[in-house]
């Protein structure tokens, strides 16, 4: 074993000695007892928030794309009119 593995093993042994007996079982029991309703509610809230954000982005993009297209067409029409005037002047 190299020194890094030895150091990690010593660190793990030291950490294990600091925990009270049955700590892992108590943590797992508490997690199983309280996580189900909270986890489902948390996931539902995240999914609803993500859905609302996507809907807002889609609405924003659809509204601005029509306005951008109209503005760009007006700009190109102006450029085309000026080019046509220049061509007639030459």
PDB file of N, CA and C in Angstrom:
ATOM      1  N   UNK A   1       0.832  -1.177   0.000  1.00  0.00           N
ATOM      2  CA  UNK A   1       0.000   0.000   0.000  1.00  0.00           C
ATOM      3  C   UNK A   1       0.882   1.246   0.000  1.00  0.00           C
ATOM      4  N   UNK A   2       0.490   2.243  -0.819  1.00  0.00           N
ATOM      5  CA  UNK A   2       1.291   3.470  -0.836  1.00  0.00           C
ATOM      6  C   UNK A   2       0.876   4.392   0.310  1.00  0.00           C
ATOM      7  N   UNK A   3       1.600   5.456   0.460  1.00  0.00           N
ATOM      8  CA  UNK A   3       1.350   6.350   1.598  1.00  0.00           C
ATOM      9  C   UNK A   3      -0.010   7.033   1.520  1.00  0.00           C
ATOM     10  N   UNK A   4      -0.496   7.295   0.304  1.00  0.00           N
ATOM     11  CA  UNK A   4      -1.805   7.935   0.184  1.00  0.00           C
ATOM     12  C   UNK A   4      -2.913   7.006   0.666  1.00  0.00           C
ATOM     13  N   UNK A   5      -2.845   5.739   0.285  1.00  0.00           N
ATOM     14  CA  UNK A   5      -3.846   4.770   0.758  1.00  0.00           C
ATOM     15  C   UNK A   5      -3.790   4.618   2.272  1.00  0.00           C
ATOM     16  N   UNK A   6      -2.597   4.593   2.802  1.00  0.00           N
ATOM     17  CA  UNK A   6      -2.425   4.479   4.252  1.00  0.00           C
ATOM     18  C   UNK A   6      -3.017   5.698   4.954  1.00  0.00           C
ATOM     19  N   UNK A   7      -2.766   6.865   4.396  1.00  0.00           N
ATOM     20  CA  UNK A   7      -3.296   8.092   5.005  1.00  0.00           C
ATOM     21  C   UNK A   7      -4.821   8.088   4.987  1.00  0.00           C
ATOM     22  N   UNK A   8      -5.423   7.661   3.871  1.00  0.00           N
ATOM     23  CA  UNK A   8      -6.884   7.623   3.793  1.00  0.00           C
ATOM     24  C   UNK A   8      -7.452   6.595   4.770  1.00  0.00           C
ATOM     25  N   UNK A   9      -6.800   5.454   4.887  1.00  0.00           N
ATOM     26  CA  UNK A   9      -7.270   4.434   5.834  1.00  0.00           C
ATOM     27  C   UNK A   9      -7.188   4.937   7.268  1.00  0.00           C
ATOM     28  N   UNK A  10      -6.108   5.623   7.608  1.00  0.00           N
ATOM     29  CA  UNK A  10      -5.980   6.189   8.954  1.00  0.00           C
ATOM     30  C   UNK A  10      -7.035   7.264   9.196  1.00  0.00           C
ATOM     31  N   UNK A  11      -7.297   8.087   8.179  1.00  0.00           N
ATOM     32  CA  UNK A  11      -8.320   9.127   8.315  1.00  0.00           C
ATOM     33  C   UNK A  11      -9.701   8.502   8.506  1.00  0.00           C
ATOM     34  N   UNK A  12      -9.991   7.447   7.739  1.00  0.00           N
ATOM     35  CA  UNK A  12     -11.271   6.752   7.886  1.00  0.00           C
ATOM     36  C   UNK A  12     -11.422   6.118   9.254  1.00  0.00           C
ATOM     37  N   UNK A  13     -10.361   5.507   9.754  1.00  0.00           N
ATOM     38  CA  UNK A  13     -10.407   4.890  11.080  1.00  0.00           C
ATOM     39  C   UNK A  13     -10.612   5.942  12.163  1.00  0.00           C
ATOM     40  N   UNK A  14      -9.944   7.073  12.016  1.00  0.00           N
ATOM     41  CA  UNK A  14     -10.096   8.159  12.996  1.00  0.00           C
ATOM     42  C   UNK A  14     -11.533   8.699  12.977  1.00  0.00           C
ATOM     43  N   UNK A  15     -12.082   8.898  11.777  1.00  0.00           N
ATOM     44  CA  UNK A  15     -13.452   9.395  11.677  1.00  0.00           C
ATOM     45  C   UNK A  15     -14.441   8.397  12.264  1.00  0.00           C
ATOM     46  N   UNK A  16     -14.234   7.111  12.000  1.00  0.00           N
ATOM     47  CA  UNK A  16     -15.125   6.083  12.531  1.00  0.00           C
ATOM     48  C   UNK A  16     -15.076   6.046  14.059  1.00  0.00           C
ATOM     49  N   UNK A  17     -13.925   6.307  14.628  1.00  0.00           N
ATOM     50  CA  UNK A  17     -13.810   6.284  16.088  1.00  0.00           C
ATOM     51  C   UNK A  17     -14.552   7.461  16.729  1.00  0.00           C
ATOM     52  N   UNK A  18     -14.791   8.520  15.973  1.00  0.00           N
ATOM     53  CA  UNK A  18     -15.473   9.709  16.500  1.00  0.00           C
ATOM     54  C   UNK A  18     -16.997   9.559  16.497  1.00  0.00           C
ATOM     55  N   UNK A  19     -17.523   8.599  15.731  1.00  0.00           N
ATOM     56  CA  UNK A  19     -18.974   8.414  15.643  1.00  0.00           C
ATOM     57  C   UNK A  19     -19.461   7.492  16.741  1.00  0.00           C
ATOM     58  N   UNK A  20     -20.670   7.757  17.219  1.00  0.00           N
ATOM     59  CA  UNK A  20     -21.246   6.886  18.239  1.00  0.00           C
ATOM     60  C   UNK A  20     -21.751   5.598  17.589  1.00  0.00           C
ATOM     61  N   UNK A  21     -21.825   4.507  18.337  1.00  0.00           N
ATOM     62  CA  UNK A  21     -22.305   3.240  17.779  1.00  0.00           C
ATOM     63  C   UNK A  21     -23.743   3.372  17.272  1.00  0.00           C
ATOM     64  N   UNK A  22     -24.007   2.808  16.110  1.00  0.00           N
ATOM     65  CA  UNK A  22     -25.347   2.837  15.542  1.00  0.00           C
ATOM     66  C   UNK A  22     -25.673   4.128  14.808  1.00  0.00           C
ATOM     67  N   UNK A  23     -24.682   4.986  14.629  1.00  0.00           N
ATOM     68  CA  UNK A  23     -24.927   6.273  13.971  1.00  0.00           C
ATOM     69  C   UNK A  23     -25.476   6.092  12.553  1.00  0.00           C
ATOM     70  N   UNK A  24     -24.862   5.236  11.772  1.00  0.00           N
ATOM     71  CA  UNK A  24     -25.291   5.026  10.388  1.00  0.00           C
ATOM     72  C   UNK A  24     -26.714   4.487  10.337  1.00  0.00           C
ATOM     73  N   UNK A  25     -27.050   3.561  11.237  1.00  0.00           N
ATOM     74  CA  UNK A  25     -28.414   3.016  11.259  1.00  0.00           C
ATOM     75  C   UNK A  25     -29.433   4.100  11.608  1.00  0.00           C
ATOM     76  N   UNK A  26     -29.098   4.955  12.576  1.00  0.00           N
ATOM     77  CA  UNK A  26     -30.024   6.033  12.944  1.00  0.00           C
ATOM     78  C   UNK A  26     -30.213   7.027  11.805  1.00  0.00           C
ATOM     79  N   UNK A  27     -29.137   7.341  11.097  1.00  0.00           N
ATOM     80  CA  UNK A  27     -29.232   8.267   9.974  1.00  0.00           C
ATOM     81  C   UNK A  27     -30.108   7.683   8.871  1.00  0.00           C
ATOM     82  N   UNK A  28     -29.887   6.425   8.527  1.00  0.00           N
ATOM     83  CA  UNK A  28     -30.686   5.794   7.478  1.00  0.00           C
ATOM     84  C   UNK A  28     -32.151   5.669   7.877  1.00  0.00           C
ATOM     85  N   UNK A  29     -32.406   5.333   9.132  1.00  0.00           N
ATOM     86  CA  UNK A  29     -33.781   5.222   9.610  1.00  0.00           C
ATOM     87  C   UNK A  29     -34.487   6.572   9.536  1.00  0.00           C
ATOM     88  N   UNK A  30     -33.817   7.627   9.954  1.00  0.00           N
ATOM     89  CA  UNK A  30     -34.398   8.975   9.889  1.00  0.00           C
ATOM     90  C   UNK A  30     -34.619   9.403   8.445  1.00  0.00           C
ATOM     91  N   UNK A  31     -33.678   9.099   7.580  1.00  0.00           N
ATOM     92  CA  UNK A  31     -33.804   9.483   6.172  1.00  0.00           C
ATOM     93  C   UNK A  31     -34.976   8.771   5.515  1.00  0.00           C
ATOM     94  N   UNK A  32     -35.146   7.497   5.818  1.00  0.00           N
ATOM     95  CA  UNK A  32     -36.264   6.749   5.234  1.00  0.00           C
ATOM     96  C   UNK A  32     -37.602   7.245   5.761  1.00  0.00           C
ATOM     97  N   UNK A  33     -37.651   7.615   7.025  1.00  0.00           N
ATOM     98  CA  UNK A  33     -38.904   8.044   7.637  1.00  0.00           C
ATOM     99  C   UNK A  33     -39.354   9.409   7.139  1.00  0.00           C
ATOM    100  N   UNK A  34     -38.425  10.306   6.893  1.00  0.00           N
ATOM    101  CA  UNK A  34     -38.827  11.674   6.577  1.00  0.00           C
ATOM    102  C   UNK A  34     -38.644  12.060   5.122  1.00  0.00           C
ATOM    103  N   UNK A  35     -37.968  11.264   4.330  1.00  0.00           N
ATOM    104  CA  UNK A  35     -37.639  11.715   2.983  1.00  0.00           C
ATOM    105  C   UNK A  35     -38.766  11.543   1.982  1.00  0.00           C
ATOM    106  N   UNK A  36     -39.616  10.570   2.145  1.00  0.00           N
ATOM    107  CA  UNK A  36     -40.602  10.281   1.111  1.00  0.00           C
ATOM    108  C   UNK A  36     -41.518  11.460   0.796  1.00  0.00           C
ATOM    109  N   UNK A  37     -42.273  11.984   1.746  1.00  0.00           N
ATOM    110  CA  UNK A  37     -43.156  13.097   1.388  1.00  0.00           C
ATOM    111  C   UNK A  37     -42.382  14.356   1.001  1.00  0.00           C
ATOM    112  N   UNK A  38     -41.311  14.632   1.706  1.00  0.00           N
ATOM    113  CA  UNK A  38     -40.549  15.831   1.415  1.00  0.00           C
ATOM    114  C   UNK A  38     -39.855  15.733   0.069  1.00  0.00           C
ATOM    115  N   UNK A  39     -39.357  14.563  -0.261  1.00  0.00           N
ATOM    116  CA  UNK A  39     -38.668  14.383  -1.521  1.00  0.00           C
ATOM    117  C   UNK A  39     -39.630  14.558  -2.687  1.00  0.00           C
ATOM    118  N   UNK A  40     -40.813  13.994  -2.579  1.00  0.00           N
ATOM    119  CA  UNK A  40     -41.809  14.123  -3.646  1.00  0.00           C
ATOM    120  C   UNK A  40     -42.246  15.574  -3.792  1.00  0.00           C
ATOM    121  N   UNK A  41     -42.488  16.252  -2.677  1.00  0.00           N
ATOM    122  CA  UNK A  41     -42.897  17.654  -2.726  1.00  0.00           C
ATOM    123  C   UNK A  41     -41.775  18.520  -3.297  1.00  0.00           C
ATOM    124  N   UNK A  42     -40.552  18.236  -2.914  1.00  0.00           N
ATOM    125  CA  UNK A  42     -39.413  19.003  -3.422  1.00  0.00           C
ATOM    126  C   UNK A  42     -39.250  18.789  -4.925  1.00  0.00           C
ATOM    127  N   UNK A  43     -39.363  17.543  -5.356  1.00  0.00           N
ATOM    128  CA  UNK A  43     -39.251  17.245  -6.780  1.00  0.00           C
ATOM    129  C   UNK A  43     -40.384  17.911  -7.562  1.00  0.00           C
ATOM    130  N   UNK A  44     -41.599  17.883  -7.028  1.00  0.00           N
ATOM    131  CA  UNK A  44     -42.737  18.512  -7.703  1.00  0.00           C
ATOM    132  C   UNK A  44     -42.529  20.018  -7.818  1.00  0.00           C
ATOM    133  N   UNK A  45     -42.005  20.640  -6.781  1.00  0.00           N
ATOM    134  CA  UNK A  45     -41.747  22.077  -6.820  1.00  0.00           C
ATOM    135  C   UNK A  45     -40.679  22.403  -7.855  1.00  0.00           C
ATOM    136  N   UNK A  46     -39.631  21.599  -7.904  1.00  0.00           N
ATOM    137  CA  UNK A  46     -38.570  21.818  -8.896  1.00  0.00           C
ATOM    138  C   UNK A  46     -39.109  21.645 -10.315  1.00  0.00           C
ATOM    139  N   UNK A  47     -39.915  20.625 -10.533  1.00  0.00           N
ATOM    140  CA  UNK A  47     -40.470  20.383 -11.863  1.00  0.00           C
ATOM    141  C   UNK A  47     -41.408  21.519 -12.271  1.00  0.00           C
ATOM    142  N   UNK A  48     -42.222  22.003 -11.338  1.00  0.00           N
ATOM    143  CA  UNK A  48     -43.128  23.103 -11.649  1.00  0.00           C
ATOM    144  C   UNK A  48     -42.355  24.384 -11.957  1.00  0.00           C
ATOM    145  N   UNK A  49     -41.320  24.648 -11.196  1.00  0.00           N
ATOM    146  CA  UNK A  49     -40.501  25.833 -11.445  1.00  0.00           C
ATOM    147  C   UNK A  49     -39.815  25.752 -12.797  1.00  0.00           C
ATOM    148  N   UNK A  50     -39.270  24.591 -13.123  1.00  0.00           N
ATOM    149  CA  UNK A  50     -38.619  24.413 -14.420  1.00  0.00           C
ATOM    150  C   UNK A  50     -39.616  24.589 -15.558  1.00  0.00           C
ATOM    151  N   UNK A  51     -40.816  24.057 -15.394  1.00  0.00           N
ATOM    152  CA  UNK A  51     -41.853  24.212 -16.415  1.00  0.00           C
ATOM    153  C   UNK A  51     -42.242  25.665 -16.620  1.00  0.00           C
ATOM    154  N   UNK A  52     -42.400  26.397 -15.541  1.00  0.00           N
ATOM    155  CA  UNK A  52     -42.743  27.814 -15.647  1.00  0.00           C
ATOM    156  C   UNK A  52     -41.624  28.618 -16.306  1.00  0.00           C
ATOM    157  N   UNK A  53     -40.395  28.289 -15.965  1.00  0.00           N
ATOM    158  CA  UNK A  53     -39.256  28.987 -16.583  1.00  0.00           C
ATOM    159  C   UNK A  53     -39.199  28.713 -18.083  1.00  0.00           C
ATOM    160  N   UNK A  54     -39.385  27.477 -18.480  1.00  0.00           N
ATOM    161  CA  UNK A  54     -39.377  27.139 -19.908  1.00  0.00           C
ATOM    162  C   UNK A  54     -40.526  27.831 -20.642  1.00  0.00           C
ATOM    163  N   UNK A  55     -41.693  27.883 -20.025  1.00  0.00           N
ATOM    164  CA  UNK A  55     -42.826  28.561 -20.650  1.00  0.00           C
ATOM    165  C   UNK A  55     -42.545  30.056 -20.802  1.00  0.00           C
ATOM    166  N   UNK A  56     -41.952  30.657 -19.776  1.00  0.00           N
ATOM    167  CA  UNK A  56     -41.631  32.086 -19.851  1.00  0.00           C
ATOM    168  C   UNK A  56     -40.617  32.366 -20.949  1.00  0.00           C
ATOM    169  N   UNK A  57     -39.613  31.512 -21.070  1.00  0.00           N
ATOM    170  CA  UNK A  57     -38.606  31.697 -22.116  1.00  0.00           C
ATOM    171  C   UNK A  57     -39.240  31.534 -23.490  1.00  0.00           C
ATOM    172  N   UNK A  58     -40.099  30.525 -23.645  1.00  0.00           N
ATOM    173  CA  UNK A  58     -40.754  30.302 -24.937  1.00  0.00           C
ATOM    174  C   UNK A  58     -41.638  31.487 -25.323  1.00  0.00           C
ATOM    175  N   UNK A  59     -42.386  32.017 -24.370  1.00  0.00           N
ATOM    176  CA  UNK A  59     -43.231  33.181 -24.655  1.00  0.00           C
ATOM    177  C   UNK A  59     -42.397  34.402 -24.997  1.00  0.00           C
ATOM    178  N   UNK A  60     -41.314  34.604 -24.277  1.00  0.00           N
ATOM    179  CA  UNK A  60     -40.439  35.746 -24.546  1.00  0.00           C
ATOM    180  C   UNK A  60     -39.820  35.634 -25.929  1.00  0.00           C
ATOM    181  N   UNK A  61     -39.333  34.442 -26.268  1.00  0.00           N
ATOM    182  CA  UNK A  61     -38.690  34.253 -27.565  1.00  0.00           C
ATOM    183  C   UNK A  61     -39.683  34.416 -28.706  1.00  0.00           C
ATOM    184  N   UNK A  62     -40.912  33.931 -28.545  1.00  0.00           N
ATOM    185  CA  UNK A  62     -41.883  34.056 -29.632  1.00  0.00           C
ATOM    186  C   UNK A  62     -42.305  35.509 -29.823  1.00  0.00           C
ATOM    187  N   UNK A  63     -42.412  36.265 -28.758  1.00  0.00           N
ATOM    188  CA  UNK A  63     -42.795  37.674 -28.864  1.00  0.00           C
ATOM    189  C   UNK A  63     -41.690  38.535 -29.441  1.00  0.00           C
ATOM    190  N   UNK A  64     -40.471  38.293 -29.024  1.00  0.00           N
ATOM    191  CA  UNK A  64     -39.379  39.129 -29.509  1.00  0.00           C
ATOM    192  C   UNK A  64     -38.955  38.754 -30.922  1.00  0.00           C
ATOM    193  N   UNK A  65     -39.155  37.524 -31.324  1.00  0.00           N
ATOM    194  CA  UNK A  65     -38.718  37.149 -32.664  1.00  0.00           C
ATOM    195  C   UNK A  65     -39.571  37.836 -33.730  1.00  0.00           C
ATOM    196  N   UNK A  66     -40.867  37.988 -33.487  1.00  0.00           N
ATOM    197  CA  UNK A  66     -41.726  38.687 -34.447  1.00  0.00           C
ATOM    198  C   UNK A  66     -41.347  40.167 -34.519  1.00  0.00           C
ATOM    199  N   UNK A  67     -41.103  40.769 -33.383  1.00  0.00           N
ATOM    200  CA  UNK A  67     -40.711  42.180 -33.353  1.00  0.00           C
ATOM    201  C   UNK A  67     -39.344  42.371 -34.007  1.00  0.00           C
ATOM    202  N   UNK A  68     -38.415  41.471 -33.727  1.00  0.00           N
ATOM    203  CA  UNK A  68     -37.089  41.554 -34.341  1.00  0.00           C
ATOM    204  C   UNK A  68     -37.176  41.393 -35.854  1.00  0.00           C
ATOM    205  N   UNK A  69     -38.003  40.464 -36.289  1.00  0.00           N
ATOM    206  CA  UNK A  69     -38.136  40.247 -37.728  1.00  0.00           C
ATOM    207  C   UNK A  69     -38.716  41.484 -38.415  1.00  0.00           C
ATOM    208  N   UNK A  70     -39.726  42.115 -37.809  1.00  0.00           N
ATOM    209  CA  UNK A  70     -40.321  43.321 -38.385  1.00  0.00           C
ATOM    210  C   UNK A  70     -39.290  44.453 -38.440  1.00  0.00           C
ATOM    211  N   UNK A  71     -38.507  44.610 -37.376  1.00  0.00           N
ATOM    212  CA  UNK A  71     -37.491  45.652 -37.348  1.00  0.00           C
ATOM    213  C   UNK A  71     -36.406  45.394 -38.393  1.00  0.00           C
ATOM    214  N   UNK A  72     -35.991  44.151 -38.521  1.00  0.00           N
ATOM    215  CA  UNK A  72     -34.967  43.816 -39.511  1.00  0.00           C
ATOM    216  C   UNK A  72     -35.472  44.033 -40.939  1.00  0.00           C
ATOM    217  N   UNK A  73     -36.725  43.665 -41.197  1.00  0.00           N
ATOM    218  CA  UNK A  73     -37.284  43.882 -42.533  1.00  0.00           C
ATOM    219  C   UNK A  73     -37.379  45.363 -42.855  1.00  0.00           C
ATOM    220  N   UNK A  74     -37.745  46.162 -41.860  1.00  0.00           N
ATOM    221  CA  UNK A  74     -37.807  47.607 -42.081  1.00  0.00           C
ATOM    222  C   UNK A  74     -36.415  48.158 -42.376  1.00  0.00           C
ATOM    223  N   UNK A  75     -35.419  47.679 -41.666  1.00  0.00           N
ATOM    224  CA  UNK A  75     -34.051  48.122 -41.907  1.00  0.00           C
ATOM    225  C   UNK A  75     -33.563  47.734 -43.292  1.00  0.00           C
ATOM    226  N   UNK A  76     -33.841  46.497 -43.700  1.00  0.00           N
ATOM    227  CA  UNK A  76     -33.413  46.068 -45.027  1.00  0.00           C
ATOM    228  C   UNK A  76     -34.175  46.804 -46.123  1.00  0.00           C
ATOM    229  N   UNK A  77     -35.435  47.116 -45.872  1.00  0.00           N
ATOM    230  CA  UNK A  77     -36.204  47.891 -46.858  1.00  0.00           C
ATOM    231  C   UNK A  77     -35.584  49.271 -47.046  1.00  0.00           C
ATOM    232  N   UNK A  78     -35.147  49.883 -45.962  1.00  0.00           N
ATOM    233  CA  UNK A  78     -34.490  51.187 -46.030  1.00  0.00           C
ATOM    234  C   UNK A  78     -33.184  51.093 -46.808  1.00  0.00           C
ATOM    235  N   UNK A  79     -32.415  50.054 -46.517  1.00  0.00           N
ATOM    236  CA  UNK A  79     -31.151  49.862 -47.234  1.00  0.00           C
ATOM    237  C   UNK A  79     -31.407  49.629 -48.721  1.00  0.00           C
ATOM    238  N   UNK A  80     -32.430  48.842 -49.049  1.00  0.00           N
ATOM    239  CA  UNK A  80     -32.751  48.569 -50.447  1.00  0.00           C
ATOM    240  C   UNK A  80     -33.196  49.846 -51.161  1.00  0.00           C
ATOM    241  N   UNK A  81     -33.979  50.687 -50.479  1.00  0.00           N
ATOM    242  CA  UNK A  81     -34.443  51.941 -51.082  1.00  0.00           C
ATOM    243  C   UNK A  81     -33.259  52.874 -51.333  1.00  0.00           C
ATOM    244  N   UNK A  82     -32.340  52.983 -50.378  1.00  0.00           N
ATOM    245  CA  UNK A  82     -31.171  53.831 -50.566  1.00  0.00           C
ATOM    246  C   UNK A  82     -30.269  53.314 -51.677  1.00  0.00           C
ATOM    247  N   UNK A  83     -30.116  52.010 -51.765  1.00  0.00           N
ATOM    248  CA  UNK A  83     -29.312  51.426 -52.841  1.00  0.00           C
ATOM    249  C   UNK A  83     -29.933  51.690 -54.200  1.00  0.00           C
ATOM    250  N   UNK A  84     -31.249  51.600 -54.250  1.00  0.00           N
ATOM    251  CA  UNK A  84     -31.956  51.852 -55.513  1.00  0.00           C
ATOM    252  C   UNK A  84     -31.788  53.327 -55.914  1.00  0.00           C
ATOM    253  N   UNK A  85     -31.838  54.237 -54.973  1.00  0.00           N
ATOM    254  CA  UNK A  85     -31.634  55.656 -55.279  1.00  0.00           C
ATOM    255  C   UNK A  85     -30.215  55.898 -55.800  1.00  0.00           C
ATOM    256  N   UNK A  86     -29.240  55.249 -55.174  1.00  0.00           N
ATOM    257  CA  UNK A  86     -27.857  55.384 -55.625  1.00  0.00           C
ATOM    258  C   UNK A  86     -27.677  54.822 -57.036  1.00  0.00           C
ATOM    259  N   UNK A  87     -28.312  53.701 -57.327  1.00  0.00           N
ATOM    260  CA  UNK A  87     -28.201  53.109 -58.658  1.00  0.00           C
ATOM    261  C   UNK A  87     -28.824  54.020 -59.723  1.00  0.00           C
ATOM    262  N   UNK A  88     -29.915  54.672 -59.386  1.00  0.00           N
ATOM    263  CA  UNK A  88     -30.574  55.546 -60.352  1.00  0.00           C
ATOM    264  C   UNK A  88     -29.783  56.826 -60.556  1.00  0.00           C
ATOM    265  N   UNK A  89     -29.049  57.251 -59.532  1.00  0.00           N
ATOM    266  CA  UNK A  89     -28.258  58.456 -59.627  1.00  0.00           C
ATOM    267  C   UNK A  89     -27.007  58.275 -60.463  1.00  0.00           C
ATOM    268  N   UNK A  90     -26.533  57.068 -60.572  1.00  0.00           N
ATOM    269  CA  UNK A  90     -25.312  56.831 -61.345  1.00  0.00           C
ATOM    270  C   UNK A  90     -25.696  56.664 -62.782  1.00  0.00           C
TER     271      UNK A  90
END
